[in-house]
Amino acid sequence: VHNFLDGTIIAAAYLTDILDANDPALLAAALGDIARARGMSEIAKASGLTREALYKALRPDAKPRYDTIAKVCGALGVRLVAQAIHP
């Protein structure tokens, strides 16, 4: 069993890999996978979203708004960062 910190580090690495695909639906699905693993009710409460809104925003074909992504990331203990593109 991973503790929260281990889970957060793994989630951050997973999301970093997902962001490389530059696919909003894939990002939503990945956030949904992590939220379900942590407990959707807990993430909904921590993000200030309802469970229903969270499920809807994080379904595989969703295109969630940035503020929703930011709230979910905050609830998961991760943040998205910008990185220079190297040719």
N, C-alpha and C. Protein backbone atom coordinates (compact mmCIF):
# COMPACT_ATOMS: atom_id res chain seq x y z
N VAL A 1 0.86 -1.19 0.00
CA VAL A 1 0.00 0.00 0.00
C VAL A 1 0.89 1.24 0.00
N HIS A 2 0.61 2.14 -0.95
CA HIS A 2 1.39 3.39 -1.03
C HIS A 2 0.79 4.41 -0.07
N ASN A 3 1.67 5.20 0.54
CA ASN A 3 1.14 6.30 1.33
C ASN A 3 0.80 7.45 0.39
N PHE A 4 0.19 8.49 0.92
CA PHE A 4 -0.28 9.60 0.08
C PHE A 4 0.86 10.22 -0.71
N LEU A 5 2.03 10.41 -0.10
CA LEU A 5 3.15 11.04 -0.80
C LEU A 5 3.59 10.18 -1.97
N ASP A 6 3.75 8.88 -1.76
CA ASP A 6 4.12 7.99 -2.87
C ASP A 6 3.08 8.07 -3.98
N GLY A 7 1.81 8.05 -3.60
CA GLY A 7 0.74 8.14 -4.58
C GLY A 7 0.78 9.45 -5.34
N THR A 8 1.13 10.52 -4.67
CA THR A 8 1.20 11.83 -5.31
C THR A 8 2.36 11.89 -6.30
N ILE A 9 3.48 11.33 -5.93
CA ILE A 9 4.64 11.31 -6.82
C ILE A 9 4.34 10.47 -8.06
N ILE A 10 3.70 9.33 -7.86
CA ILE A 10 3.33 8.47 -8.99
C ILE A 10 2.31 9.18 -9.88
N ALA A 11 1.33 9.82 -9.26
CA ALA A 11 0.30 10.55 -10.03
C ALA A 11 0.94 11.66 -10.85
N ALA A 12 1.87 12.39 -10.27
CA ALA A 12 2.54 13.49 -10.97
C ALA A 12 3.33 12.95 -12.17
N ALA A 13 4.04 11.85 -12.00
CA ALA A 13 4.81 11.27 -13.10
C ALA A 13 3.86 10.78 -14.20
N TYR A 14 2.78 10.15 -13.82
CA TYR A 14 1.79 9.65 -14.78
C TYR A 14 1.20 10.82 -15.58
N LEU A 15 0.80 11.88 -14.89
CA LEU A 15 0.21 13.03 -15.57
C LEU A 15 1.22 13.73 -16.48
N THR A 16 2.48 13.77 -16.08
CA THR A 16 3.52 14.36 -16.92
C THR A 16 3.62 13.59 -18.24
N ASP A 17 3.59 12.26 -18.15
CA ASP A 17 3.63 11.45 -19.37
C ASP A 17 2.39 11.69 -20.23
N ILE A 18 1.23 11.79 -19.60
CA ILE A 18 -0.03 12.01 -20.31
C ILE A 18 -0.01 13.37 -21.01
N LEU A 19 0.52 14.39 -20.37
CA LEU A 19 0.55 15.72 -20.96
C LEU A 19 1.37 15.75 -22.25
N ASP A 20 2.36 14.88 -22.36
CA ASP A 20 3.16 14.82 -23.58
C ASP A 20 2.32 14.47 -24.80
N ALA A 21 1.21 13.78 -24.59
CA ALA A 21 0.33 13.40 -25.70
C ALA A 21 -0.48 14.58 -26.22
N ASN A 22 -0.58 15.65 -25.45
CA ASN A 22 -1.31 16.86 -25.84
C ASN A 22 -2.75 16.55 -26.26
N ASP A 23 -3.42 15.72 -25.46
CA ASP A 23 -4.78 15.26 -25.75
C ASP A 23 -5.67 15.54 -24.54
N PRO A 24 -6.55 16.55 -24.61
CA PRO A 24 -7.39 16.90 -23.47
C PRO A 24 -8.26 15.74 -22.96
N ALA A 25 -8.77 14.92 -23.86
CA ALA A 25 -9.61 13.80 -23.45
C ALA A 25 -8.78 12.76 -22.68
N LEU A 26 -7.55 12.56 -23.11
CA LEU A 26 -6.66 11.62 -22.42
C LEU A 26 -6.31 12.15 -21.03
N LEU A 27 -6.08 13.45 -20.93
CA LEU A 27 -5.80 14.07 -19.63
C LEU A 27 -7.00 13.91 -18.70
N ALA A 28 -8.20 14.16 -19.22
CA ALA A 28 -9.41 14.00 -18.40
C ALA A 28 -9.54 12.57 -17.91
N ALA A 29 -9.30 11.61 -18.81
CA ALA A 29 -9.40 10.20 -18.44
C ALA A 29 -8.36 9.84 -17.38
N ALA A 30 -7.13 10.35 -17.53
CA ALA A 30 -6.08 10.06 -16.56
C ALA A 30 -6.41 10.65 -15.19
N LEU A 31 -6.89 11.89 -15.17
CA LEU A 31 -7.31 12.50 -13.91
C LEU A 31 -8.44 11.68 -13.28
N GLY A 32 -9.36 11.20 -14.11
CA GLY A 32 -10.44 10.36 -13.62
C GLY A 32 -9.92 9.07 -13.02
N ASP A 33 -8.95 8.44 -13.67
CA ASP A 33 -8.35 7.21 -13.15
C ASP A 33 -7.74 7.44 -11.77
N ILE A 34 -7.00 8.52 -11.64
CA ILE A 34 -6.34 8.83 -10.36
C ILE A 34 -7.39 9.16 -9.30
N ALA A 35 -8.39 9.96 -9.67
CA ALA A 35 -9.44 10.34 -8.72
C ALA A 35 -10.21 9.10 -8.24
N ARG A 36 -10.53 8.19 -9.15
CA ARG A 36 -11.23 6.97 -8.74
C ARG A 36 -10.35 6.12 -7.82
N ALA A 37 -9.06 6.07 -8.09
CA ALA A 37 -8.15 5.30 -7.24
C ALA A 37 -8.06 5.90 -5.84
N ARG A 38 -8.15 7.21 -5.75
CA ARG A 38 -8.08 7.89 -4.45
C ARG A 38 -9.43 7.94 -3.74
N GLY A 39 -10.49 7.81 -4.51
CA GLY A 39 -11.84 7.91 -3.94
C GLY A 39 -12.52 9.15 -4.49
N MET A 40 -13.48 8.95 -5.36
CA MET A 40 -14.14 10.05 -6.05
C MET A 40 -14.81 11.01 -5.05
N SER A 41 -15.42 10.48 -4.01
CA SER A 41 -16.09 11.35 -3.02
C SER A 41 -15.08 12.26 -2.33
N GLU A 42 -13.94 11.70 -1.98
CA GLU A 42 -12.90 12.49 -1.31
C GLU A 42 -12.37 13.59 -2.23
N ILE A 43 -12.12 13.26 -3.49
CA ILE A 43 -11.60 14.24 -4.44
C ILE A 43 -12.65 15.30 -4.75
N ALA A 44 -13.90 14.87 -4.85
CA ALA A 44 -14.97 15.84 -5.08
C ALA A 44 -15.04 16.85 -3.94
N LYS A 45 -14.99 16.36 -2.73
CA LYS A 45 -15.06 17.25 -1.55
C LYS A 45 -13.85 18.20 -1.53
N ALA A 46 -12.66 17.67 -1.77
CA ALA A 46 -11.44 18.48 -1.73
C ALA A 46 -11.39 19.50 -2.87
N SER A 47 -12.02 19.17 -3.99
CA SER A 47 -11.97 20.08 -5.14
C SER A 47 -13.12 21.10 -5.15
N GLY A 48 -14.14 20.85 -4.32
CA GLY A 48 -15.29 21.75 -4.30
C GLY A 48 -16.29 21.45 -5.40
N LEU A 49 -16.15 20.32 -6.07
CA LEU A 49 -17.07 19.91 -7.13
C LEU A 49 -17.98 18.81 -6.59
N THR A 50 -19.13 18.65 -7.20
CA THR A 50 -19.99 17.54 -6.82
C THR A 50 -19.43 16.26 -7.45
N ARG A 51 -19.77 15.12 -6.89
CA ARG A 51 -19.33 13.85 -7.49
C ARG A 51 -19.82 13.73 -8.93
N GLU A 52 -21.08 14.13 -9.14
CA GLU A 52 -21.65 14.04 -10.49
C GLU A 52 -20.87 14.89 -11.48
N ALA A 53 -20.54 16.13 -11.07
CA ALA A 53 -19.77 17.02 -11.95
C ALA A 53 -18.37 16.46 -12.21
N LEU A 54 -17.80 15.85 -11.19
CA LEU A 54 -16.48 15.27 -11.32
C LEU A 54 -16.50 14.10 -12.31
N TYR A 55 -17.46 13.21 -12.15
CA TYR A 55 -17.58 12.09 -13.09
C TYR A 55 -17.77 12.58 -14.51
N LYS A 56 -18.63 13.59 -14.68
CA LYS A 56 -18.91 14.13 -16.01
C LYS A 56 -17.67 14.78 -16.62
N ALA A 57 -16.95 15.56 -15.82
CA ALA A 57 -15.77 16.28 -16.31
C ALA A 57 -14.61 15.35 -16.63
N LEU A 58 -14.55 14.20 -15.95
CA LEU A 58 -13.38 13.33 -16.09
C LEU A 58 -13.68 12.04 -16.85
N ARG A 59 -14.76 12.03 -17.59
CA ARG A 59 -15.02 10.85 -18.42
C ARG A 59 -14.03 10.87 -19.60
N PRO A 60 -13.77 9.72 -20.20
CA PRO A 60 -12.74 9.64 -21.24
C PRO A 60 -12.93 10.56 -22.44
N ASP A 61 -14.16 10.90 -22.81
CA ASP A 61 -14.37 11.76 -23.98
C ASP A 61 -14.60 13.23 -23.60
N ALA A 62 -14.33 13.57 -22.35
CA ALA A 62 -14.59 14.93 -21.87
C ALA A 62 -13.51 15.91 -22.32
N LYS A 63 -13.89 17.16 -22.34
CA LYS A 63 -12.93 18.25 -22.57
C LYS A 63 -13.15 19.25 -21.43
N PRO A 64 -12.62 18.91 -20.24
CA PRO A 64 -12.88 19.76 -19.07
C PRO A 64 -12.25 21.14 -19.20
N ARG A 65 -12.89 22.08 -18.52
CA ARG A 65 -12.36 23.44 -18.48
C ARG A 65 -11.10 23.46 -17.62
N TYR A 66 -10.26 24.46 -17.87
CA TYR A 66 -9.01 24.55 -17.12
C TYR A 66 -9.27 24.66 -15.62
N ASP A 67 -10.28 25.44 -15.22
CA ASP A 67 -10.51 25.60 -13.78
C ASP A 67 -10.88 24.27 -13.13
N THR A 68 -11.58 23.41 -13.85
CA THR A 68 -11.91 22.09 -13.32
C THR A 68 -10.65 21.25 -13.17
N ILE A 69 -9.80 21.28 -14.18
CA ILE A 69 -8.53 20.55 -14.11
C ILE A 69 -7.69 21.05 -12.94
N ALA A 70 -7.61 22.37 -12.78
CA ALA A 70 -6.82 22.94 -11.69
C ALA A 70 -7.37 22.52 -10.33
N LYS A 71 -8.69 22.52 -10.17
CA LYS A 71 -9.29 22.10 -8.90
C LYS A 71 -9.01 20.64 -8.60
N VAL A 72 -9.14 19.80 -9.61
CA VAL A 72 -8.89 18.37 -9.42
C VAL A 72 -7.41 18.13 -9.12
N CYS A 73 -6.53 18.79 -9.84
CA CYS A 73 -5.10 18.65 -9.56
C CYS A 73 -4.77 19.06 -8.14
N GLY A 74 -5.35 20.17 -7.69
CA GLY A 74 -5.13 20.62 -6.33
C GLY A 74 -5.60 19.59 -5.32
N ALA A 75 -6.76 19.00 -5.58
CA ALA A 75 -7.30 17.98 -4.68
C ALA A 75 -6.42 16.73 -4.68
N LEU A 76 -5.76 16.46 -5.81
CA LEU A 76 -4.88 15.30 -5.91
C LEU A 76 -3.48 15.58 -5.36
N GLY A 77 -3.19 16.85 -5.08
CA GLY A 77 -1.88 17.21 -4.54
C GLY A 77 -0.81 17.37 -5.62
N VAL A 78 -1.24 17.67 -6.84
CA VAL A 78 -0.29 17.88 -7.94
C VAL A 78 -0.62 19.19 -8.63
N ARG A 79 0.32 19.69 -9.44
CA ARG A 79 0.05 20.87 -10.25
C ARG A 79 0.68 20.66 -11.61
N LEU A 80 0.09 21.27 -12.59
CA LEU A 80 0.63 21.21 -13.94
C LEU A 80 1.67 22.31 -14.07
N VAL A 81 2.76 22.02 -14.77
CA VAL A 81 3.82 23.01 -14.95
C VAL A 81 4.16 23.17 -16.43
N ALA A 82 4.63 24.34 -16.77
CA ALA A 82 5.09 24.60 -18.13
C ALA A 82 6.55 24.25 -18.23
N GLN A 83 6.93 23.75 -19.39
CA GLN A 83 8.30 23.35 -19.61
C GLN A 83 8.70 23.77 -21.02
N ALA A 84 9.93 24.23 -21.17
CA ALA A 84 10.42 24.61 -22.50
C ALA A 84 10.45 23.39 -23.40
N ILE A 85 10.09 23.60 -24.65
CA ILE A 85 10.14 22.53 -25.64
C ILE A 85 11.53 22.51 -26.25
N HIS A 86 12.15 21.34 -26.20
CA HIS A 86 13.50 21.20 -26.78
C HIS A 86 13.38 20.46 -28.11
N PRO A 87 13.96 21.03 -29.18
CA PRO A 87 13.86 20.37 -30.49
C PRO A 87 14.59 19.05 -30.53
